[in-house]
Amino acid sequence: MRLVVDARMMGAGKTRGIGRYIKEITDAMRQQMSPSDELLLIQPNIPWYSIAEQLKMPRILAKAKADLVWIPHWNVPIFYGCPFAITVHDLLLRHQPASAKASTRSPFIAWVKRLGHRFILWQAMKRAAVILVPTQAVADDIKQYYPNAVSRVIVTGEGMTELPKTNVSSITGKYLLYVGSAYPHKRLDLLVDAWSELSKQHPDLSLVITGKDDVFLSRIKSQVQNNGSDRVLFAGSVDDQELGTLYANASALIFPSSFEGFGLPPIEALSTGTPVVVSDIPVLREVLPQNGVFFFKLGDKDAMIASIEAVLAQGSAAREAASLGGEEVRTRHRWEDAAKRSLAALRAIAHNH
């Protein structure tokens, strides 16, 4: 099988969740392929979600002469006519279309881009030979919005990446940690509001926020300023070694997201023995263990504060539970397993075509 992968998003520094997914799962696939198989990653310098993507990628993909093309997202060129597979990480744009950079444009441009994204997603769901998804929660979402695609959906899972760590960190003292983007669905605004109360009760504690400095993070910085909160540290984009160190040294990871397809930061934090405080949404109930995880009612600031206070009060007991949770996620979420399920689905489609 000659499998060609659109790997333009590969690498955690580009699109952290999807980028890490592509890198880890293709590495695991290579280890499982037979000598007669070929895995070709193509990375032309063409921006995703662009007109150039729609016009240029069909020819590039056709020239690759694949038995099957796998596009590990939904951004499939509408003029590409050969068999292809996709990965749908979530249906965020169907639920919360404002959680996208297009929403920061003028209302008309944002509306046009939203329609374009929805059309491309619709045609990808309609035409894909197989649709890989990370969780049953995403599969259930597809059933609701695209019932005709259900028979082509395969739940593959994802894996947990062991992050390197160092004993030296740019952050000192006790801190709560947030990892991820500042898109509205991440509910970082709720965490900042909670912090304005928590900081007064815990003068020895700081809040560390990682993530790319964009228009959404600028809004959060303004909120911090307006709240008069202190001891909020914006760490920016961090590499894997710094991220692993931040996880390991944090008192807790706070993950208040209202919508996810999988949720990598909580399992990464648990792998370092750090407790996590997360919103109680179906996908996180599916992915996370009970040990070391403190669920709070979605959107409830007081419930979040109570969960954080519980972690701080339990201290070493919470960390011991998180270590047990870390061992569980290592077993449950393995890139090798996700690659095996994905390869089986892709090979079957390539064989049939």
Protein backbone atom coordinates (compact mmCIF):
# COMPACT_ATOMS: atom_id res chain seq x y z
CA MET A 1 0.00 0.00 0.00
CA ARG A 2 1.28 3.42 -0.95
CA LEU A 3 -0.26 5.76 1.63
CA VAL A 4 0.16 9.50 1.03
CA VAL A 5 -0.46 11.82 3.97
CA ASP A 6 -1.12 15.56 3.82
CA ALA A 7 1.34 16.44 6.61
CA ARG A 8 1.34 20.23 6.34
CA MET A 9 0.06 20.54 9.91
CA MET A 10 2.61 18.10 11.34
CA GLY A 11 4.55 19.15 14.41
CA ALA A 12 3.32 20.42 17.77
CA GLY A 13 4.67 23.89 16.99
CA LYS A 14 2.22 24.38 14.13
CA THR A 15 -1.19 23.24 15.33
CA ARG A 16 -0.42 21.66 18.65
CA GLY A 17 -3.10 18.98 18.95
CA ILE A 18 -3.39 18.03 15.27
CA GLY A 19 0.32 18.56 14.72
CA ARG A 20 1.28 16.18 17.49
CA TYR A 21 -1.33 13.66 16.29
CA ILE A 22 0.12 13.53 12.77
CA LYS A 23 3.71 13.21 13.98
CA GLU A 24 3.06 10.54 16.60
CA ILE A 25 0.65 8.37 14.64
CA THR A 26 2.69 8.33 11.42
CA ASP A 27 5.83 7.44 13.40
CA ALA A 28 3.92 4.55 15.00
CA MET A 29 2.53 3.49 11.61
CA ARG A 30 6.01 3.22 10.11
CA GLN A 31 6.95 0.73 12.83
CA GLN A 32 3.98 -1.47 11.91
CA MET A 33 4.11 -1.38 8.11
CA SER A 34 5.41 -4.25 6.03
CA PRO A 35 8.42 -3.81 3.70
CA SER A 36 6.06 -3.59 0.72
CA ASP A 37 4.20 -0.63 2.24
CA GLU A 38 5.15 2.97 1.66
CA LEU A 39 4.19 5.97 3.76
CA LEU A 40 4.80 9.31 2.05
CA LEU A 41 4.38 12.57 3.98
CA ILE A 42 3.88 15.60 1.76
CA GLN A 43 4.33 19.11 3.12
CA PRO A 44 3.99 21.68 0.33
CA ASN A 45 4.18 25.30 1.42
CA ILE A 46 0.46 25.91 1.01
CA PRO A 47 -1.57 27.43 3.87
CA TRP A 48 -4.45 25.32 5.15
CA TYR A 49 -8.01 26.71 4.87
CA SER A 50 -6.88 28.81 1.89
CA ILE A 51 -7.89 29.28 -1.74
CA ALA A 52 -4.43 28.01 -2.72
CA GLU A 53 -5.18 24.80 -0.82
CA GLN A 54 -8.31 24.26 -2.87
CA LEU A 55 -6.67 25.05 -6.22
CA LYS A 56 -3.16 23.56 -5.86
CA MET A 57 -3.49 20.54 -3.56
CA PRO A 58 -5.58 18.38 -5.97
CA ARG A 59 -2.78 18.35 -8.52
CA ILE A 60 -0.10 17.73 -5.87
CA LEU A 61 -2.07 14.83 -4.38
CA ALA A 62 -2.77 13.33 -7.81
CA LYS A 63 0.95 13.45 -8.75
CA ALA A 64 1.78 11.44 -5.61
CA LYS A 65 0.15 8.37 -7.23
CA ALA A 66 -1.23 7.00 -3.98
CA ASP A 67 -3.26 3.88 -3.37
CA LEU A 68 -4.95 6.07 -0.80
CA VAL A 69 -4.60 9.68 0.31
CA TRP A 70 -5.13 10.39 3.99
CA ILE A 71 -5.92 13.95 5.02
CA PRO A 72 -5.74 13.98 8.85
CA HIS A 73 -8.26 16.82 9.13
CA TRP A 74 -11.42 17.82 7.25
CA ASN A 75 -9.82 20.40 4.90
CA VAL A 76 -10.17 18.30 1.75
CA PRO A 77 -9.89 20.11 -1.62
CA ILE A 78 -13.30 19.95 -3.24
CA PHE A 79 -11.79 19.23 -6.68
CA TYR A 80 -9.80 16.19 -5.56
CA GLY A 81 -11.61 13.23 -7.07
CA CYS A 82 -9.62 10.15 -6.01
CA PRO A 83 -10.38 8.00 -2.94
CA PHE A 84 -9.31 9.58 0.35
CA ALA A 85 -9.59 9.12 4.10
CA ILE A 86 -9.92 11.86 6.70
CA THR A 87 -9.56 12.30 10.43
CA VAL A 88 -12.22 14.39 12.15
CA HIS A 89 -10.84 15.52 15.49
CA ASP A 90 -14.04 17.28 16.53
CA LEU A 91 -17.03 19.19 15.16
CA LEU A 92 -16.23 22.40 17.00
CA LEU A 93 -17.19 24.61 14.06
CA ARG A 94 -20.69 23.15 14.08
CA HIS A 95 -21.11 23.87 17.78
CA GLN A 96 -19.12 27.05 18.40
CA PRO A 97 -18.17 28.75 15.11
CA ALA A 98 -16.89 31.81 16.99
CA SER A 99 -13.98 29.70 18.27
CA ALA A 100 -11.95 30.29 15.13
CA LYS A 101 -9.64 33.04 13.90
CA ALA A 102 -12.09 33.82 11.10
CA SER A 103 -14.44 35.20 13.76
CA THR A 104 -11.99 38.04 14.42
CA ARG A 105 -12.44 39.44 10.91
CA SER A 106 -15.21 41.78 9.78
CA PRO A 107 -18.67 40.25 10.27
CA PHE A 108 -19.15 39.74 6.52
CA ILE A 109 -15.76 38.07 5.97
CA ALA A 110 -16.29 35.90 9.06
CA TRP A 111 -19.71 34.85 7.71
CA VAL A 112 -18.29 33.97 4.29
CA LYS A 113 -15.42 31.95 5.78
CA ARG A 114 -17.81 30.19 8.13
CA LEU A 115 -19.99 29.14 5.20
CA GLY A 116 -16.90 28.00 3.30
CA HIS A 117 -15.62 25.94 6.21
CA ARG A 118 -19.01 24.34 6.72
CA PHE A 119 -19.32 23.47 3.02
CA ILE A 120 -15.82 21.93 2.88
CA LEU A 121 -16.54 19.93 6.03
CA TRP A 122 -19.85 18.73 4.57
CA GLN A 123 -18.33 17.59 1.30
CA ALA A 124 -15.44 15.87 3.11
CA MET A 125 -17.89 13.96 5.30
CA LYS A 126 -19.92 13.01 2.24
CA ARG A 127 -17.04 11.83 0.06
CA ALA A 128 -14.50 10.28 2.47
CA ALA A 129 -14.06 6.54 2.09
CA VAL A 130 -13.37 6.26 5.82
CA ILE A 131 -13.57 8.75 8.68
CA LEU A 132 -11.18 8.24 11.59
CA VAL A 133 -12.15 9.83 14.92
CA PRO A 134 -10.35 9.90 18.29
CA THR A 135 -13.27 9.18 20.62
CA GLN A 136 -16.78 7.78 20.77
CA ALA A 137 -17.93 11.28 21.71
CA VAL A 138 -16.88 12.54 18.27
CA ALA A 139 -18.51 9.52 16.61
CA ASP A 140 -21.76 10.33 18.41
CA ASP A 141 -21.51 13.95 17.28
CA ILE A 142 -21.10 12.83 13.66
CA LYS A 143 -24.17 10.64 14.01
CA GLN A 144 -26.17 13.71 14.99
CA TYR A 145 -24.93 16.08 12.28
CA TYR A 146 -24.00 13.68 9.45
CA PRO A 147 -26.08 10.50 9.91
CA ASN A 148 -25.23 9.24 6.40
CA ALA A 149 -21.55 9.09 7.37
CA VAL A 150 -21.96 6.85 10.41
CA SER A 151 -21.17 3.60 8.59
CA ARG A 152 -17.76 4.98 7.57
CA VAL A 153 -16.67 6.15 11.04
CA ILE A 154 -13.90 4.28 12.89
CA VAL A 155 -12.94 5.18 16.47
CA THR A 156 -9.15 4.86 16.65
CA GLY A 157 -8.24 6.62 19.89
CA GLU A 158 -5.10 8.68 20.37
CA GLY A 159 -1.96 8.26 22.42
CA MET A 160 -0.09 9.80 25.28
CA THR A 161 3.28 11.33 24.52
CA GLU A 162 5.98 11.08 27.18
CA LEU A 163 7.35 14.61 27.36
CA PRO A 164 10.99 15.27 28.30
CA LYS A 165 11.63 17.19 31.51
CA THR A 166 14.44 19.16 33.08
CA ASN A 167 15.12 20.17 36.66
CA VAL A 168 15.55 23.77 35.56
CA SER A 169 12.48 25.88 34.80
CA SER A 170 11.84 29.55 34.13
CA ILE A 171 8.89 29.35 36.55
CA THR A 172 9.54 29.09 40.29
CA GLY A 173 7.28 28.72 43.28
CA LYS A 174 3.83 27.12 43.51
CA TYR A 175 1.51 27.60 40.56
CA LEU A 176 -1.62 26.43 38.79
CA LEU A 177 -1.12 25.73 35.09
CA TYR A 178 -3.21 26.22 31.98
CA VAL A 179 -2.06 24.67 28.68
CA GLY A 180 -3.76 25.30 25.35
CA SER A 181 -5.09 28.02 23.12
CA ALA A 182 -7.20 30.96 24.27
CA TYR A 183 -10.05 30.23 21.87
CA PRO A 184 -13.44 31.02 23.47
CA HIS A 185 -14.46 27.37 23.86
CA LYS A 186 -11.46 26.78 26.13
CA ARG A 187 -13.15 28.97 28.77
CA LEU A 188 -9.92 30.57 29.88
CA ASP A 189 -12.08 33.58 30.77
CA LEU A 190 -13.77 31.47 33.46
CA LEU A 191 -10.41 30.46 34.90
CA VAL A 192 -9.26 34.09 35.04
CA ASP A 193 -12.44 35.06 36.89
CA ALA A 194 -11.91 32.20 39.33
CA TRP A 195 -8.30 33.24 39.80
CA SER A 196 -9.32 36.77 40.86
CA GLU A 197 -10.89 35.12 43.92
CA LEU A 198 -8.40 32.31 44.47
CA SER A 199 -5.37 34.59 44.37
CA LYS A 200 -6.60 36.45 47.43
CA GLN A 201 -6.82 33.24 49.45
CA HIS A 202 -3.46 31.84 48.27
CA PRO A 203 -0.81 34.60 48.21
CA ASP A 204 1.93 31.99 47.69
CA LEU A 205 0.32 30.68 44.47
CA SER A 206 0.61 31.90 40.86
CA LEU A 207 -1.32 31.15 37.68
CA VAL A 208 0.78 30.21 34.64
CA ILE A 209 -0.86 30.40 31.21
CA THR A 210 0.86 28.96 28.13
CA GLY A 211 -0.20 29.47 24.56
CA LYS A 212 0.33 31.46 21.41
CA ASP A 213 0.01 35.21 21.74
CA ASP A 214 -2.90 36.01 19.43
CA VAL A 215 -6.03 38.14 19.45
CA PHE A 216 -7.81 35.71 21.79
CA LEU A 217 -4.98 35.73 24.31
CA SER A 218 -4.88 39.52 24.10
CA ARG A 219 -8.48 39.53 25.28
CA ILE A 220 -7.54 37.35 28.25
CA LYS A 221 -4.65 39.67 29.13
CA SER A 222 -7.06 42.60 29.09
CA GLN A 223 -9.43 40.66 31.34
CA VAL A 224 -6.60 40.00 33.81
CA GLN A 225 -5.77 43.70 33.81
CA ASN A 226 -9.40 44.73 34.29
CA ASN A 227 -9.82 42.25 37.16
CA GLY A 228 -6.79 43.69 38.89
CA SER A 229 -5.41 40.18 39.31
CA ASP A 230 -1.75 39.73 40.07
CA ARG A 231 0.66 36.78 39.86
CA VAL A 232 -0.59 35.75 36.41
CA LEU A 233 2.35 34.69 34.24
CA PHE A 234 1.97 34.35 30.47
CA ALA A 235 4.62 31.85 29.37
CA GLY A 236 3.88 32.01 25.62
CA SER A 237 4.50 29.05 23.33
CA VAL A 238 6.77 26.50 24.99
CA ASP A 239 8.72 23.55 23.61
CA ASP A 240 8.11 19.99 24.76
CA GLN A 241 10.89 20.00 27.35
CA GLU A 242 9.65 23.19 29.00
CA LEU A 243 6.08 21.90 28.78
CA GLY A 244 6.97 18.63 30.48
CA THR A 245 8.74 20.56 33.23
CA LEU A 246 5.80 22.93 33.69
CA TYR A 247 3.43 19.98 34.03
CA ALA A 248 5.62 18.16 36.54
CA ASN A 249 6.11 21.16 38.83
CA ALA A 250 2.53 22.47 38.78
CA SER A 251 0.21 22.11 41.77
CA ALA A 252 -2.55 21.28 39.27
CA LEU A 253 -3.47 21.62 35.61
CA ILE A 254 -6.73 23.50 35.09
CA PHE A 255 -8.65 22.57 31.93
CA PRO A 256 -12.05 24.35 31.85
CA SER A 257 -12.82 23.66 28.17
CA SER A 258 -16.45 23.48 27.05
CA PHE A 259 -15.69 21.35 23.97
CA GLU A 260 -13.00 18.87 22.97
CA GLY A 261 -12.46 15.98 20.59
CA PHE A 262 -9.97 14.26 22.88
CA GLY A 263 -8.10 16.56 25.31
CA LEU A 264 -4.32 16.01 25.35
CA PRO A 265 -3.20 18.36 28.17
CA PRO A 266 -4.98 16.50 31.01
CA ILE A 267 -3.46 13.13 30.11
CA GLU A 268 -0.04 14.73 29.61
CA ALA A 269 -0.29 16.33 33.05
CA LEU A 270 -1.38 13.05 34.68
CA SER A 271 1.60 11.31 33.10
CA THR A 272 3.87 13.57 35.19
CA GLY A 273 1.92 12.89 38.37
CA THR A 274 0.12 16.23 38.40
CA PRO A 275 -3.59 16.38 39.36
CA VAL A 276 -6.01 17.88 36.87
CA VAL A 277 -9.13 19.98 37.39
CA VAL A 278 -11.37 19.63 34.34
CA SER A 279 -14.84 20.54 33.15
CA ASP A 280 -17.35 17.72 33.30
CA ILE A 281 -18.02 17.08 29.61
CA PRO A 282 -18.65 13.66 27.99
CA VAL A 283 -15.40 13.40 26.07
CA LEU A 284 -13.27 14.01 29.17
CA ARG A 285 -15.31 11.45 31.11
CA GLU A 286 -14.52 9.02 28.27
CA VAL A 287 -10.81 9.76 28.02
CA LEU A 288 -9.73 10.41 31.62
CA PRO A 289 -9.48 8.02 34.58
CA GLN A 290 -10.95 8.72 38.00
CA ASN A 291 -7.64 8.85 39.87
CA GLY A 292 -6.11 12.30 40.05
CA VAL A 293 -8.98 13.97 38.18
CA PHE A 294 -11.29 16.56 39.75
CA PHE A 295 -14.36 17.22 37.61
CA PHE A 296 -16.43 20.37 38.03
CA LYS A 297 -19.73 21.44 36.48
CA LEU A 298 -19.17 23.04 33.09
CA GLY A 299 -19.19 26.84 33.25
CA ASP A 300 -19.55 26.94 37.05
CA LYS A 301 -16.85 29.22 38.50
CA ASP A 302 -17.64 28.35 42.11
CA ALA A 303 -17.47 24.62 41.36
CA MET A 304 -14.09 25.15 39.68
CA ILE A 305 -12.80 27.02 42.72
CA ALA A 306 -14.06 24.25 45.03
CA SER A 307 -12.23 21.61 42.94
CA ILE A 308 -9.00 23.60 42.96
CA GLU A 309 -9.28 24.09 46.72
CA ALA A 310 -9.78 20.33 47.09
CA VAL A 311 -6.58 19.60 45.15
CA LEU A 312 -4.59 22.10 47.20
CA ALA A 313 -6.00 20.75 50.47
CA GLN A 314 -5.20 17.13 49.58
CA GLY A 315 -1.63 17.97 48.63
CA SER A 316 0.51 14.82 48.36
CA ALA A 317 -2.57 12.56 48.38
CA ALA A 318 -3.82 14.26 45.19
CA ARG A 319 -0.42 13.77 43.58
CA GLU A 320 -0.35 10.10 44.54
CA ALA A 321 -3.77 9.66 42.94
CA ALA A 322 -2.54 11.51 39.84
CA SER A 323 0.40 9.10 39.57
CA LEU A 324 -2.05 6.21 39.53
CA GLY A 325 -4.08 8.04 36.89
CA GLY A 326 -0.91 8.56 34.88
CA GLU A 327 -0.21 4.84 34.85
CA GLU A 328 -3.75 4.20 33.66
CA VAL A 329 -3.57 6.66 30.75
CA ARG A 330 -0.27 5.13 29.67
CA THR A 331 -2.06 1.83 29.28
CA ARG A 332 -5.32 3.13 27.81
CA HIS A 333 -3.92 5.68 25.34
CA ARG A 334 -1.07 4.36 23.22
CA TRP A 335 -0.06 5.69 19.82
CA GLU A 336 0.82 2.14 18.82
CA ASP A 337 -2.80 1.06 19.35
CA ALA A 338 -4.21 4.11 17.55
CA ALA A 339 -1.86 3.46 14.63
CA LYS A 340 -2.87 -0.21 14.46
CA ARG A 341 -6.59 0.62 14.29
CA SER A 342 -5.98 3.41 11.76
CA LEU A 343 -3.77 1.26 9.52
CA ALA A 344 -6.34 -1.53 9.46
CA ALA A 345 -9.07 0.89 8.34
CA LEU A 346 -6.86 2.60 5.75
CA ARG A 347 -5.53 -0.68 4.37
CA ALA A 348 -9.06 -2.03 3.91
CA ILE A 349 -10.08 1.04 1.91
CA ALA A 350 -6.91 0.98 -0.21
CA HIS A 351 -7.48 -2.72 -0.96
CA ASN A 352 -11.10 -2.16 -1.96
CA HIS A 353 -10.19 0.65 -4.34
